[in-house]
Amino acid sequence: MGILAQHVPSIEQLKPGLIEIIEESGGNKQFFLSGGFAIVQPNSHLTINAVEGFPLEDFSEEAVRSQIAEAQKIASGNGSEQDIAEAKIELEVMKNPHAAAEQVLESLQAAMK
């Protein structure tokens, strides 16, 4: 989704994924969001409301892969009830509602290239 001058005001739900902000100066910034909302104001200003957002450079492919593997191991029954519940929540947060955790990892990997 791109926001240009005279964009129609709207509210869009954001799924977990990458956003890129292209600055007027020509620079850009990339963030991985856990989800949220993008609100286009009548003056074509964009507001993004998200629970969590992290600069893409904070991620490492190996760390993400390791975190998913550890959460899957715990969620499969290797821990206390609380640990298992937390691991299942972690996996749910890390995966797109319609995709497996591996697909989220793939989108992160592609974004980091």
N, C-alpha and C. Protein backbone atom coordinates (compact mmCIF):
# COMPACT_ATOMS: atom_id res chain seq x y z
N MET A 1 0.86 -1.17 0.00
CA MET A 1 0.00 0.00 0.00
C MET A 1 0.89 1.22 0.00
N GLY A 2 0.67 2.12 -0.88
CA GLY A 2 1.42 3.36 -0.92
C GLY A 2 0.51 4.54 -0.61
N ILE A 3 1.05 5.53 0.05
CA ILE A 3 0.29 6.73 0.39
C ILE A 3 0.90 7.91 -0.36
N LEU A 4 0.13 8.49 -1.26
CA LEU A 4 0.58 9.64 -2.03
C LEU A 4 -0.32 10.83 -1.70
N ALA A 5 0.01 11.98 -2.26
CA ALA A 5 -0.81 13.18 -2.05
C ALA A 5 -2.25 12.90 -2.47
N GLN A 6 -3.19 13.48 -1.75
CA GLN A 6 -4.63 13.36 -2.02
C GLN A 6 -5.15 11.93 -1.89
N HIS A 7 -4.48 11.11 -1.08
CA HIS A 7 -4.96 9.74 -0.86
C HIS A 7 -6.28 9.78 -0.12
N VAL A 8 -7.16 8.88 -0.46
CA VAL A 8 -8.47 8.79 0.20
C VAL A 8 -8.26 8.41 1.66
N PRO A 9 -8.87 9.13 2.61
CA PRO A 9 -8.76 8.74 4.03
C PRO A 9 -9.29 7.32 4.22
N SER A 10 -8.56 6.53 4.98
CA SER A 10 -8.97 5.14 5.19
C SER A 10 -8.30 4.56 6.42
N ILE A 11 -8.80 3.42 6.84
CA ILE A 11 -8.21 2.65 7.93
C ILE A 11 -8.01 1.24 7.40
N GLU A 12 -6.79 0.74 7.53
CA GLU A 12 -6.46 -0.60 7.06
C GLU A 12 -5.87 -1.42 8.20
N GLN A 13 -6.32 -2.66 8.34
CA GLN A 13 -5.72 -3.56 9.33
C GLN A 13 -4.42 -4.10 8.78
N LEU A 14 -3.38 -4.11 9.60
CA LEU A 14 -2.07 -4.63 9.22
C LEU A 14 -1.87 -6.00 9.82
N LYS A 15 -1.46 -6.95 9.01
CA LYS A 15 -1.09 -8.28 9.48
C LYS A 15 0.38 -8.24 9.86
N PRO A 16 0.86 -9.23 10.58
CA PRO A 16 2.30 -9.25 10.88
C PRO A 16 3.10 -9.19 9.58
N GLY A 17 4.10 -8.33 9.58
CA GLY A 17 4.91 -8.23 8.37
C GLY A 17 5.76 -6.99 8.35
N LEU A 18 6.34 -6.75 7.20
CA LEU A 18 7.29 -5.68 7.00
C LEU A 18 6.61 -4.42 6.49
N ILE A 19 7.00 -3.27 7.05
CA ILE A 19 6.59 -1.99 6.48
C ILE A 19 7.86 -1.22 6.12
N GLU A 20 7.77 -0.45 5.08
CA GLU A 20 8.89 0.38 4.66
C GLU A 20 8.40 1.81 4.59
N ILE A 21 9.13 2.70 5.23
CA ILE A 21 8.80 4.12 5.22
C ILE A 21 9.81 4.80 4.31
N ILE A 22 9.32 5.43 3.25
CA ILE A 22 10.18 6.14 2.32
C ILE A 22 10.06 7.62 2.66
N GLU A 23 11.17 8.20 3.07
CA GLU A 23 11.18 9.58 3.52
C GLU A 23 11.28 10.54 2.33
N GLU A 24 10.80 11.76 2.53
CA GLU A 24 10.87 12.77 1.47
C GLU A 24 12.31 13.01 1.04
N SER A 25 13.25 12.84 1.96
CA SER A 25 14.67 13.07 1.66
C SER A 25 15.25 11.98 0.76
N GLY A 26 14.48 10.90 0.54
CA GLY A 26 14.96 9.81 -0.30
C GLY A 26 15.41 8.59 0.50
N GLY A 27 15.60 8.74 1.79
CA GLY A 27 15.98 7.61 2.63
C GLY A 27 14.79 6.71 2.90
N ASN A 28 15.07 5.55 3.49
CA ASN A 28 13.97 4.67 3.86
C ASN A 28 14.31 3.94 5.16
N LYS A 29 13.27 3.50 5.83
CA LYS A 29 13.40 2.73 7.07
C LYS A 29 12.45 1.55 6.97
N GLN A 30 12.90 0.38 7.46
CA GLN A 30 12.07 -0.81 7.43
C GLN A 30 11.86 -1.32 8.86
N PHE A 31 10.62 -1.74 9.12
CA PHE A 31 10.25 -2.25 10.44
C PHE A 31 9.43 -3.52 10.26
N PHE A 32 9.57 -4.44 11.21
CA PHE A 32 8.71 -5.61 11.26
C PHE A 32 7.68 -5.36 12.35
N LEU A 33 6.39 -5.40 11.98
CA LEU A 33 5.30 -5.16 12.94
C LEU A 33 4.58 -6.47 13.25
N SER A 34 4.10 -6.57 14.49
CA SER A 34 3.31 -7.74 14.87
C SER A 34 1.87 -7.62 14.39
N GLY A 35 1.50 -6.50 13.84
CA GLY A 35 0.15 -6.23 13.36
C GLY A 35 -0.28 -4.87 13.86
N GLY A 36 -1.46 -4.43 13.47
CA GLY A 36 -1.96 -3.14 13.92
C GLY A 36 -2.87 -2.52 12.89
N PHE A 37 -2.84 -1.18 12.82
CA PHE A 37 -3.70 -0.44 11.90
C PHE A 37 -2.93 0.69 11.25
N ALA A 38 -3.21 0.93 9.98
CA ALA A 38 -2.68 2.08 9.26
C ALA A 38 -3.86 3.01 9.02
N ILE A 39 -3.71 4.26 9.43
CA ILE A 39 -4.79 5.24 9.29
C ILE A 39 -4.29 6.37 8.40
N VAL A 40 -4.95 6.54 7.26
CA VAL A 40 -4.63 7.63 6.35
C VAL A 40 -5.56 8.79 6.69
N GLN A 41 -4.97 9.91 7.10
CA GLN A 41 -5.73 11.10 7.47
C GLN A 41 -6.14 11.87 6.21
N PRO A 42 -7.12 12.76 6.32
CA PRO A 42 -7.55 13.53 5.14
C PRO A 42 -6.42 14.33 4.48
N ASN A 43 -5.40 14.71 5.21
CA ASN A 43 -4.29 15.49 4.65
C ASN A 43 -3.18 14.59 4.10
N SER A 44 -3.48 13.32 3.84
CA SER A 44 -2.55 12.31 3.32
C SER A 44 -1.42 11.95 4.28
N HIS A 45 -1.57 12.27 5.56
CA HIS A 45 -0.60 11.83 6.57
C HIS A 45 -0.99 10.43 7.02
N LEU A 46 0.01 9.62 7.26
CA LEU A 46 -0.22 8.23 7.66
C LEU A 46 0.15 8.06 9.13
N THR A 47 -0.74 7.42 9.87
CA THR A 47 -0.47 7.05 11.25
C THR A 47 -0.52 5.53 11.33
N ILE A 48 0.50 4.94 11.95
CA ILE A 48 0.51 3.49 12.14
C ILE A 48 0.43 3.20 13.63
N ASN A 49 -0.56 2.42 14.01
CA ASN A 49 -0.74 1.99 15.40
C ASN A 49 -0.44 0.50 15.46
N ALA A 50 0.58 0.15 16.24
CA ALA A 50 0.97 -1.26 16.34
C ALA A 50 1.35 -1.56 17.78
N VAL A 51 1.10 -2.79 18.19
CA VAL A 51 1.49 -3.22 19.53
C VAL A 51 3.01 -3.31 19.62
N GLU A 52 3.62 -3.89 18.59
CA GLU A 52 5.08 -4.05 18.57
C GLU A 52 5.60 -3.73 17.18
N GLY A 53 6.72 -3.04 17.14
CA GLY A 53 7.40 -2.77 15.89
C GLY A 53 8.90 -2.72 16.15
N PHE A 54 9.66 -3.40 15.30
CA PHE A 54 11.10 -3.48 15.50
C PHE A 54 11.83 -3.14 14.21
N PRO A 55 12.90 -2.36 14.30
CA PRO A 55 13.70 -2.12 13.10
C PRO A 55 14.18 -3.44 12.52
N LEU A 56 14.12 -3.56 11.21
CA LEU A 56 14.50 -4.82 10.56
C LEU A 56 15.93 -5.22 10.88
N GLU A 57 16.81 -4.23 11.04
CA GLU A 57 18.21 -4.57 11.32
C GLU A 57 18.41 -5.22 12.69
N ASP A 58 17.38 -5.19 13.55
CA ASP A 58 17.47 -5.85 14.86
C ASP A 58 17.33 -7.38 14.75
N PHE A 59 16.91 -7.89 13.57
CA PHE A 59 16.70 -9.32 13.40
C PHE A 59 17.91 -9.98 12.77
N SER A 60 18.13 -11.22 13.18
CA SER A 60 19.10 -12.06 12.48
C SER A 60 18.37 -13.33 12.09
N GLU A 61 18.65 -13.81 10.91
CA GLU A 61 17.96 -15.00 10.40
C GLU A 61 18.14 -16.18 11.34
N GLU A 62 19.35 -16.38 11.83
CA GLU A 62 19.63 -17.52 12.72
C GLU A 62 18.89 -17.38 14.05
N ALA A 63 18.83 -16.17 14.59
CA ALA A 63 18.14 -15.96 15.87
C ALA A 63 16.64 -16.25 15.73
N VAL A 64 16.03 -15.81 14.62
CA VAL A 64 14.61 -16.06 14.40
C VAL A 64 14.35 -17.56 14.25
N ARG A 65 15.18 -18.22 13.45
CA ARG A 65 15.03 -19.67 13.26
C ARG A 65 15.19 -20.42 14.59
N SER A 66 16.16 -20.02 15.38
CA SER A 66 16.42 -20.65 16.68
C SER A 66 15.25 -20.44 17.64
N GLN A 67 14.70 -19.22 17.64
CA GLN A 67 13.58 -18.91 18.53
C GLN A 67 12.35 -19.74 18.17
N ILE A 68 12.09 -19.89 16.88
CA ILE A 68 10.95 -20.70 16.45
C ILE A 68 11.15 -22.16 16.85
N ALA A 69 12.35 -22.69 16.62
CA ALA A 69 12.64 -24.09 16.96
C ALA A 69 12.48 -24.34 18.46
N GLU A 70 12.99 -23.42 19.27
CA GLU A 70 12.88 -23.58 20.74
C GLU A 70 11.42 -23.52 21.19
N ALA A 71 10.65 -22.59 20.63
CA ALA A 71 9.23 -22.48 21.00
C ALA A 71 8.47 -23.74 20.56
N GLN A 72 8.78 -24.28 19.38
CA GLN A 72 8.11 -25.50 18.92
C GLN A 72 8.45 -26.68 19.83
N LYS A 73 9.69 -26.76 20.27
CA LYS A 73 10.12 -27.84 21.17
C LYS A 73 9.36 -27.77 22.50
N ILE A 74 9.27 -26.58 23.06
CA ILE A 74 8.56 -26.42 24.35
C ILE A 74 7.06 -26.65 24.17
N ALA A 75 6.48 -26.11 23.08
CA ALA A 75 5.04 -26.26 22.84
C ALA A 75 4.62 -27.71 22.64
N SER A 76 5.57 -28.55 22.21
CA SER A 76 5.23 -29.96 22.00
C SER A 76 5.24 -30.78 23.29
N GLY A 77 5.47 -30.12 24.43
CA GLY A 77 5.33 -30.82 25.70
C GLY A 77 6.57 -30.89 26.55
N ASN A 78 7.63 -30.20 26.19
CA ASN A 78 8.88 -30.24 26.96
C ASN A 78 8.98 -29.05 27.91
N GLY A 79 8.16 -29.03 28.94
CA GLY A 79 8.21 -27.95 29.91
C GLY A 79 6.99 -27.96 30.81
N SER A 80 6.93 -26.98 31.70
CA SER A 80 5.78 -26.86 32.59
C SER A 80 4.56 -26.40 31.79
N GLU A 81 3.38 -26.48 32.40
CA GLU A 81 2.16 -26.03 31.72
C GLU A 81 2.27 -24.57 31.31
N GLN A 82 2.85 -23.75 32.19
CA GLN A 82 3.00 -22.33 31.89
C GLN A 82 3.97 -22.14 30.72
N ASP A 83 5.09 -22.86 30.73
CA ASP A 83 6.07 -22.76 29.64
C ASP A 83 5.44 -23.18 28.31
N ILE A 84 4.66 -24.25 28.33
CA ILE A 84 4.00 -24.73 27.10
C ILE A 84 3.02 -23.69 26.59
N ALA A 85 2.22 -23.12 27.49
CA ALA A 85 1.25 -22.09 27.10
C ALA A 85 1.96 -20.87 26.51
N GLU A 86 3.05 -20.44 27.15
CA GLU A 86 3.80 -19.28 26.66
C GLU A 86 4.42 -19.56 25.30
N ALA A 87 4.93 -20.77 25.11
CA ALA A 87 5.54 -21.14 23.82
C ALA A 87 4.48 -21.15 22.71
N LYS A 88 3.28 -21.64 23.02
CA LYS A 88 2.21 -21.65 22.03
C LYS A 88 1.80 -20.23 21.66
N ILE A 89 1.74 -19.36 22.64
CA ILE A 89 1.42 -17.95 22.37
C ILE A 89 2.53 -17.33 21.52
N GLU A 90 3.77 -17.61 21.86
CA GLU A 90 4.90 -17.08 21.10
C GLU A 90 4.83 -17.52 19.64
N LEU A 91 4.54 -18.79 19.41
CA LEU A 91 4.42 -19.29 18.04
C LEU A 91 3.27 -18.62 17.31
N GLU A 92 2.16 -18.43 18.02
CA GLU A 92 1.00 -17.78 17.40
C GLU A 92 1.32 -16.35 17.01
N VAL A 93 2.03 -15.63 17.87
CA VAL A 93 2.41 -14.25 17.58
C VAL A 93 3.37 -14.20 16.40
N MET A 94 4.26 -15.19 16.32
CA MET A 94 5.29 -15.19 15.28
C MET A 94 4.76 -15.63 13.92
N LYS A 95 3.57 -16.18 13.87
CA LYS A 95 3.09 -16.64 12.57
C LYS A 95 1.90 -15.81 12.11
N ASN A 96 1.80 -15.69 10.83
CA ASN A 96 0.71 -15.02 10.18
C ASN A 96 -0.56 -15.84 10.43
N PRO A 97 -1.73 -15.22 10.59
CA PRO A 97 -2.94 -16.00 10.87
C PRO A 97 -3.22 -17.09 9.84
N HIS A 98 -2.76 -16.93 8.60
CA HIS A 98 -3.04 -17.91 7.55
C HIS A 98 -1.78 -18.60 7.04
N ALA A 99 -0.70 -18.52 7.80
CA ALA A 99 0.55 -19.12 7.34
C ALA A 99 1.29 -19.74 8.51
N ALA A 100 2.13 -20.70 8.21
CA ALA A 100 2.93 -21.36 9.24
C ALA A 100 4.07 -20.43 9.66
N ALA A 101 4.62 -20.71 10.83
CA ALA A 101 5.73 -19.89 11.34
C ALA A 101 6.89 -19.85 10.35
N GLU A 102 7.08 -20.92 9.60
CA GLU A 102 8.16 -20.94 8.61
C GLU A 102 7.96 -19.90 7.53
N GLN A 103 6.70 -19.62 7.16
CA GLN A 103 6.44 -18.61 6.14
C GLN A 103 6.76 -17.22 6.65
N VAL A 104 6.50 -16.96 7.94
CA VAL A 104 6.87 -15.67 8.51
C VAL A 104 8.39 -15.55 8.50
N LEU A 105 9.07 -16.63 8.85
CA LEU A 105 10.53 -16.63 8.80
C LEU A 105 11.00 -16.34 7.38
N GLU A 106 10.37 -16.96 6.39
CA GLU A 106 10.76 -16.73 5.00
C GLU A 106 10.56 -15.27 4.62
N SER A 107 9.46 -14.65 5.07
CA SER A 107 9.24 -13.25 4.72
C SER A 107 10.27 -12.36 5.40
N LEU A 108 10.65 -12.71 6.63
CA LEU A 108 11.71 -11.96 7.32
C LEU A 108 13.03 -12.14 6.58
N GLN A 109 13.34 -13.36 6.19
CA GLN A 109 14.59 -13.63 5.48
C GLN A 109 14.63 -12.85 4.17
N ALA A 110 13.53 -12.84 3.43
CA ALA A 110 13.48 -12.13 2.16
C ALA A 110 13.64 -10.63 2.38
N ALA A 111 13.06 -10.11 3.45
CA ALA A 111 13.14 -8.69 3.72
C ALA A 111 14.56 -8.28 4.12
N MET A 112 15.31 -9.20 4.72
CA MET A 112 16.66 -8.89 5.18
C MET A 112 17.68 -8.93 4.04
N LYS A 113 17.30 -9.46 2.88
CA LYS A 113 18.24 -9.57 1.75
C LYS A 113 18.34 -8.28 1.00
